[in-house]
Protein backbone atom coordinates (compact mmCIF):
# COMPACT_ATOMS: atom_id res chain seq x y z
CA UNK A 1 17.03 -112.29 -5.30
CA UNK A 2 16.34 -116.04 -3.86
CA UNK A 3 15.35 -116.12 -0.28
CA UNK A 4 16.47 -119.28 1.84
CA UNK A 5 13.46 -119.08 4.25
CA UNK A 6 10.47 -117.62 2.29
CA UNK A 7 7.02 -117.34 3.46
CA UNK A 8 6.00 -120.00 0.88
CA UNK A 9 8.66 -122.58 2.50
CA UNK A 10 7.20 -122.10 5.81
CA UNK A 11 3.77 -122.53 4.46
CA UNK A 12 5.08 -125.89 3.01
CA UNK A 13 6.46 -126.57 6.53
CA UNK A 14 3.38 -126.11 8.31
CA UNK A 15 1.62 -128.11 5.72
CA UNK A 16 3.83 -131.17 6.03
CA UNK A 17 3.37 -131.27 10.04
CA UNK A 18 -0.31 -131.08 9.79
CA UNK A 19 -0.37 -133.97 7.34
CA UNK A 20 1.72 -136.08 9.72
CA UNK A 21 -1.15 -135.06 12.44
CA UNK A 22 -3.50 -136.29 10.09
CA UNK A 23 -2.02 -139.75 9.31
CA UNK A 24 -1.53 -140.33 13.16
CA UNK A 25 -5.15 -139.52 13.79
CA UNK A 26 -6.31 -141.82 10.75
CA UNK A 27 -4.15 -144.46 12.64
CA UNK A 28 -5.72 -143.87 16.10
CA UNK A 29 -8.30 -146.24 16.50
CA UNK A 30 -8.99 -144.75 19.89
CA UNK A 31 -10.42 -141.94 18.44
CA UNK A 32 -14.38 -142.50 17.94
CA UNK A 33 -14.30 -139.54 15.02
CA UNK A 34 -11.00 -140.20 13.83
CA UNK A 35 -12.21 -139.93 10.02
CA UNK A 36 -13.70 -136.49 10.25
CA UNK A 37 -11.18 -135.17 12.72
CA UNK A 38 -8.76 -136.53 10.17
CA UNK A 39 -10.31 -135.02 7.12
CA UNK A 40 -10.40 -131.46 9.23
CA UNK A 41 -6.85 -131.36 9.68
CA UNK A 42 -6.20 -132.71 5.82
CA UNK A 43 -8.24 -129.99 4.38
CA UNK A 44 -6.43 -127.59 6.79
CA UNK A 45 -3.07 -128.72 5.83
CA UNK A 46 -3.84 -128.87 2.13
CA UNK A 47 -4.40 -125.13 1.80
CA UNK A 48 -0.79 -124.75 3.14
CA UNK A 49 0.60 -127.44 0.74
CA UNK A 50 -1.54 -127.02 -2.44
CA UNK A 51 -2.50 -123.40 -2.57
CA UNK A 52 0.13 -122.11 -4.83
CA UNK A 53 -0.28 -125.12 -7.11
CA UNK A 54 -4.12 -124.38 -7.23
CA UNK A 55 -3.14 -120.38 -8.22
CA UNK A 56 -0.97 -121.57 -10.91
CA UNK A 57 -2.67 -124.38 -12.41
CA UNK A 58 -6.45 -122.89 -12.17
CA UNK A 59 -5.84 -119.10 -11.54
CA UNK A 60 -6.60 -117.13 -8.57
CA UNK A 61 -10.52 -116.96 -9.24
CA UNK A 62 -10.80 -120.65 -9.06
CA UNK A 63 -8.34 -121.10 -6.50
CA UNK A 64 -10.29 -118.74 -4.31
CA UNK A 65 -13.36 -120.47 -4.82
CA UNK A 66 -11.73 -123.96 -3.81
CA UNK A 67 -10.27 -122.52 -1.04
CA UNK A 68 -13.25 -120.96 0.46
CA UNK A 69 -15.36 -124.11 0.02
CA UNK A 70 -12.67 -125.83 1.93
CA UNK A 71 -13.06 -123.23 4.51
CA UNK A 72 -16.89 -123.99 4.57
CA UNK A 73 -16.15 -127.63 4.94
CA UNK A 74 -13.83 -127.25 7.68
CA UNK A 75 -16.28 -124.74 9.54
CA UNK A 76 -19.16 -127.49 9.30
CA UNK A 77 -16.97 -130.11 10.45
CA UNK A 78 -16.26 -128.09 13.39
CA UNK A 79 -19.73 -126.91 14.19
CA UNK A 80 -21.20 -130.05 13.91
CA UNK A 81 -19.16 -131.63 16.69
CA UNK A 82 -17.51 -134.04 14.33
CA UNK A 83 -13.83 -133.56 16.06
CA UNK A 84 -12.78 -135.77 19.04
CA UNK A 85 -9.71 -136.55 20.91
CA UNK A 86 -8.17 -139.95 20.74
CA UNK A 87 -5.48 -142.04 22.53
CA UNK A 88 -1.96 -140.83 23.20
CA UNK A 89 1.14 -142.40 24.41
CA UNK A 90 1.94 -140.17 27.49
CA UNK A 91 4.48 -140.39 30.09
CA UNK A 92 2.82 -141.49 33.68
CA UNK A 93 2.63 -138.56 36.52
CA UNK A 94 5.62 -140.06 38.35
CA UNK A 95 7.81 -139.77 35.31
CA UNK A 96 6.52 -136.20 34.46
CA UNK A 97 7.57 -135.28 38.25
CA UNK A 98 10.64 -136.77 37.96
CA UNK A 99 11.64 -135.01 34.64
CA UNK A 100 10.55 -131.54 36.09
CA UNK A 101 12.79 -132.01 39.05
CA UNK A 102 15.50 -132.91 36.54
CA UNK A 103 15.09 -130.33 34.60
CA UNK A 104 14.18 -127.70 36.80
CA UNK A 105 13.85 -123.95 35.22
CA UNK A 106 15.61 -125.28 32.36
CA UNK A 107 12.16 -126.57 31.32
CA UNK A 108 11.11 -122.91 30.36
CA UNK A 109 14.52 -122.21 28.07
CA UNK A 110 12.85 -123.53 24.70
CA UNK A 111 9.74 -121.40 25.35
CA UNK A 112 12.06 -118.04 26.14
CA UNK A 113 14.12 -119.00 23.23
CA UNK A 114 11.08 -118.15 20.82
CA UNK A 115 10.62 -114.48 21.40
CA UNK A 116 14.37 -113.75 22.01
CA UNK A 117 15.37 -115.41 18.63
CA UNK A 118 12.54 -113.83 17.11
CA UNK A 119 13.34 -110.31 18.00
CA UNK A 120 17.20 -110.84 17.13
CA UNK A 121 16.55 -112.24 13.76
CA UNK A 122 14.46 -109.57 13.23
CA UNK A 123 16.63 -106.97 14.03
CA UNK A 124 19.92 -108.66 12.94
CA UNK A 125 19.18 -110.31 9.71
CA UNK A 126 17.22 -107.46 8.05
CA UNK A 127 18.46 -107.18 4.58
CA UNK A 128 21.44 -109.63 5.29
CA UNK A 129 22.18 -111.94 2.31
CA UNK A 130 24.97 -114.49 1.79
CA UNK A 131 26.00 -115.29 -2.14
CA UNK A 132 23.22 -113.45 -3.49
CA UNK A 133 20.68 -115.52 -1.16
CA UNK A 134 18.80 -113.52 1.42
CA UNK A 135 18.40 -115.63 4.56
CA UNK A 136 14.96 -114.67 5.48
CA UNK A 137 11.62 -113.35 3.53
CA UNK A 138 12.06 -109.53 3.92
CA UNK A 139 8.29 -108.99 3.15
CA UNK A 140 7.35 -111.29 6.22
CA UNK A 141 10.60 -110.75 8.42
CA UNK A 142 8.97 -111.52 11.69
CA UNK A 143 7.06 -114.37 10.33
CA UNK A 144 10.28 -115.99 9.07
CA UNK A 145 12.16 -115.22 12.22
CA UNK A 146 9.35 -116.70 14.35
CA UNK A 147 9.65 -119.65 12.17
CA UNK A 148 13.53 -120.03 12.87
CA UNK A 149 12.90 -119.49 16.42
CA UNK A 150 10.19 -122.36 16.80
CA UNK A 151 12.79 -124.86 15.07
CA UNK A 152 15.44 -123.62 17.29
CA UNK A 153 13.25 -124.04 20.55
CA UNK A 154 12.23 -127.55 19.11
CA UNK A 155 15.89 -128.67 18.72
CA UNK A 156 16.58 -127.15 22.43
CA UNK A 157 13.58 -128.94 23.62
CA UNK A 158 14.90 -132.09 22.20
CA UNK A 159 18.21 -131.84 23.64
CA UNK A 160 16.86 -130.91 27.17
CA UNK A 161 14.31 -133.67 27.27
CA UNK A 162 15.97 -136.09 25.30
CA UNK A 163 13.21 -136.72 23.01
CA UNK A 164 12.76 -136.85 19.24
CA UNK A 165 11.42 -134.33 16.70
CA UNK A 166 8.51 -137.22 16.07
CA UNK A 167 7.77 -137.52 19.82
CA UNK A 168 7.29 -133.49 19.58
CA UNK A 169 4.78 -134.04 16.54
CA UNK A 170 2.80 -136.37 18.72
CA UNK A 171 2.52 -134.24 21.46
CA UNK A 172 1.37 -131.70 18.89
CA UNK A 173 -1.64 -133.98 18.12
CA UNK A 174 -2.52 -134.15 21.57
CA UNK A 175 -2.57 -130.76 22.10
CA UNK A 176 -4.34 -129.67 18.74
CA UNK A 177 -6.96 -132.09 19.60
CA UNK A 178 -7.44 -130.82 22.95
CA UNK A 179 -7.71 -127.54 21.91
CA UNK A 180 -9.99 -128.51 19.11
CA UNK A 181 -11.12 -126.35 16.20
CA UNK A 182 -10.29 -123.16 18.34
CA UNK A 183 -6.43 -123.83 17.08
CA UNK A 184 -7.33 -122.21 13.59
CA UNK A 185 -9.56 -119.53 14.90
CA UNK A 186 -7.09 -116.75 14.98
CA UNK A 187 -6.35 -117.29 11.04
CA UNK A 188 -10.28 -117.71 10.21
CA UNK A 189 -10.71 -114.39 11.90
CA UNK A 190 -7.92 -112.82 10.34
CA UNK A 191 -9.14 -113.79 6.98
CA UNK A 192 -12.87 -112.52 8.22
CA UNK A 193 -11.03 -109.15 9.23
CA UNK A 194 -9.55 -108.60 5.52
CA UNK A 195 -13.15 -109.41 4.17
CA UNK A 196 -14.69 -106.88 6.44
CA UNK A 197 -12.22 -104.28 5.50
CA UNK A 198 -12.57 -104.79 1.57
CA UNK A 199 -16.36 -104.70 1.98
CA UNK A 200 -16.04 -101.26 3.67
CA UNK A 201 -17.87 -102.22 6.77
CA UNK A 202 -16.55 -99.08 8.42
CA UNK A 203 -18.83 -97.08 6.03
CA UNK A 204 -21.76 -98.90 7.05
CA UNK A 205 -21.12 -98.72 10.66
CA UNK A 206 -20.67 -94.83 10.01
CA UNK A 207 -24.15 -94.80 8.48
CA UNK A 208 -26.05 -96.84 11.12
CA UNK A 209 -24.75 -94.48 13.88
CA UNK A 210 -25.74 -91.49 12.31
CA UNK A 211 -29.17 -92.94 12.04
CA UNK A 212 -29.53 -93.68 15.77
CA UNK A 213 -27.23 -91.30 17.62
CA UNK A 214 -26.92 -87.29 17.66
CA UNK A 215 -23.13 -86.91 16.38
CA UNK A 216 -22.97 -83.73 18.72
CA UNK A 217 -23.23 -85.98 21.81
CA UNK A 218 -19.53 -86.14 22.41
CA UNK A 219 -20.00 -88.35 25.67
CA UNK A 220 -22.21 -90.81 23.83
CA UNK A 221 -20.19 -91.36 20.61
CA UNK A 222 -17.22 -92.14 23.00
CA UNK A 223 -19.22 -94.70 24.78
CA UNK A 224 -20.23 -96.22 21.39
CA UNK A 225 -17.01 -96.19 20.34
CA UNK A 226 -15.27 -97.80 23.03
CA UNK A 227 -18.16 -100.52 23.70
CA UNK A 228 -18.28 -101.00 19.82
CA UNK A 229 -14.74 -101.75 19.98
CA UNK A 230 -15.04 -104.32 22.70
CA UNK A 231 -18.10 -105.76 21.31
CA UNK A 232 -16.67 -106.22 17.91
CA UNK A 233 -13.49 -107.82 19.17
CA UNK A 234 -15.40 -110.17 21.14
CA UNK A 235 -17.18 -111.11 17.38
CA UNK A 236 -13.86 -110.74 15.64
CA UNK A 237 -11.48 -112.24 18.65
CA UNK A 238 -9.20 -109.82 17.68
CA UNK A 239 -8.72 -106.17 18.34
CA UNK A 240 -6.62 -105.49 15.40
CA UNK A 241 -9.57 -106.74 12.79
CA UNK A 242 -11.85 -104.55 14.94
CA UNK A 243 -9.82 -101.45 14.72
CA UNK A 244 -10.12 -100.59 11.32
CA UNK A 245 -13.75 -101.10 10.94
CA UNK A 246 -14.60 -99.43 14.14
CA UNK A 247 -12.02 -96.42 13.59
CA UNK A 248 -13.16 -95.71 10.22
CA UNK A 249 -16.71 -95.95 11.14
CA UNK A 250 -16.90 -94.10 14.21
CA UNK A 251 -13.71 -92.40 15.45
CA UNK A 252 -12.53 -90.31 12.20
CA UNK A 253 -15.63 -89.00 11.03
CA UNK A 254 -17.39 -88.38 14.38
CA UNK A 255 -14.40 -87.89 16.88
CA UNK A 256 -11.59 -86.83 15.06
CA UNK A 257 -13.23 -84.87 12.28
CA UNK A 258 -16.42 -83.81 14.19
CA UNK A 259 -15.03 -83.06 17.52
CA UNK A 260 -11.35 -82.56 16.77
CA UNK A 261 -9.97 -85.16 19.19
CA UNK A 262 -6.45 -85.84 19.31
CA UNK A 263 -5.81 -88.97 17.50
CA UNK A 264 -2.83 -90.39 19.34
CA UNK A 265 -4.62 -90.88 22.55
CA UNK A 266 -8.14 -91.49 21.02
CA UNK A 267 -7.00 -94.68 18.88
CA UNK A 268 -4.52 -96.09 21.49
CA UNK A 269 -7.47 -95.92 24.07
CA UNK A 270 -9.68 -97.48 21.66
CA UNK A 271 -7.68 -100.30 20.80
CA UNK A 272 -7.31 -100.89 24.63
CA UNK A 273 -10.97 -101.09 24.69
CA UNK A 274 -10.94 -103.43 22.11
CA UNK A 275 -8.34 -105.53 24.28
CA UNK A 276 -11.10 -105.62 27.17
CA UNK A 277 -13.29 -107.68 24.48
CA UNK A 278 -10.57 -109.95 23.93
CA UNK A 279 -10.88 -110.80 27.70
CA UNK A 280 -14.43 -111.77 27.37
CA UNK A 281 -14.70 -114.17 24.23
CA UNK A 282 -13.78 -117.85 23.15
CA UNK A 283 -12.89 -116.24 19.81
CA UNK A 284 -9.78 -114.84 21.22
CA UNK A 285 -8.76 -118.79 21.19
CA UNK A 286 -4.93 -118.06 21.66
CA UNK A 287 -5.90 -115.90 24.95
CA UNK A 288 -8.66 -117.60 26.50
CA UNK A 289 -9.31 -121.17 25.05
CA UNK A 290 -5.59 -122.54 24.58
CA UNK A 291 -4.74 -121.71 28.32
CA UNK A 292 -7.63 -123.55 29.49
CA UNK A 293 -6.56 -126.56 27.61
CA UNK A 294 -2.92 -126.09 28.43
CA UNK A 295 -3.92 -126.08 32.37
CA UNK A 296 -6.64 -128.73 31.83
CA UNK A 297 -9.19 -126.76 33.49
CA UNK A 298 -12.61 -128.76 33.67
CA UNK A 299 -14.29 -125.59 32.32
CA UNK A 300 -12.69 -124.39 29.11
CA UNK A 301 -14.69 -120.96 29.69
CA UNK A 302 -12.97 -120.67 33.32
CA UNK A 303 -10.28 -118.25 32.01
CA UNK A 304 -12.94 -115.82 30.42
CA UNK A 305 -15.19 -116.06 33.71
CA UNK A 306 -12.33 -114.81 35.81
CA UNK A 307 -11.29 -112.13 33.60
CA UNK A 308 -14.87 -110.55 33.01
CA UNK A 309 -14.95 -108.24 36.00
CA UNK A 310 -11.62 -106.81 35.03
CA UNK A 311 -12.56 -106.25 31.68
CA UNK A 312 -15.93 -104.47 32.42
CA UNK A 313 -13.80 -102.34 34.95
CA UNK A 314 -10.95 -101.29 32.24
CA UNK A 315 -13.70 -100.80 29.77
CA UNK A 316 -15.40 -98.16 32.05
CA UNK A 317 -12.43 -96.38 32.68
CA UNK A 318 -11.34 -96.27 29.01
CA UNK A 319 -14.38 -94.40 28.73
CA UNK A 320 -13.66 -91.69 30.95
CA UNK A 321 -10.18 -91.41 29.99
CA UNK A 322 -10.95 -91.10 26.29
CA UNK A 323 -13.34 -88.46 27.17
CA UNK A 324 -11.10 -86.37 29.35
CA UNK A 325 -7.65 -87.07 27.50
CA UNK A 326 -8.46 -87.04 24.03
CA UNK A 327 -10.25 -83.73 23.09
CA UNK A 328 -8.28 -80.20 23.21
């Protein structure tokens, strides 16, 4: 059965938008590093646009090598400080104030549309087809719904602000340039999490813990699991990536099988401990670096600094909650 909005078509849309950003960057003579910045975004967009073609013509093995090499080049460009902000045609402060007064709370309407439409499409369009054509990709239903929601929000934003889609792309360039490499960090970390799972890193964690810790010491194992979830999340930038590794390496063999812990509260509090790590790392770019860029804070780590006391307090509480609630 054909699909109207498939995940591949969404990737093509992302790739086209990124290529538009690349062209704008190349034309921006106010960017002192426009060529390397443009190369960074070109390589990123090329993966979305040409990934399928590489697989079809060169095979999975060669395509994986090429994309892996592309990721390395992207990392080197970002790691050597070869990204820079350019010049942007923005409205004046007075124009922004006048626009905010005119729009009022309607300014938040496009942002609110995204979660509302995403949930509505996910619930109402599951399995829906017209003339033998499925409306949304059923294997990636939430992502397809999110794409529809973003397009609807873009249209609503253009209507409200009397702007154009091209103007939205220009502002997108300003935003991603201010965020920099952190904009694509979640994708990279998600890929790294898959690599860790495939490499059976959880088994290695279990072996390391067995060497240095007495498995009979329940409280110490609980501390290691909670703190390990937080630390591994700080490295990975995502508690969901840390969860399978730490749970397979510590929670399952030592706490569930060894001490007969109740899995439900154990893994729930374990995940919550991972979120404590999320509050303390720049690797969680969506939560910590992006807000700092959006708020135009002078210190891009200011959000993290404010959150650290709360994160450490919650992590300590989680240790005791797990110890007293997860065991019969």
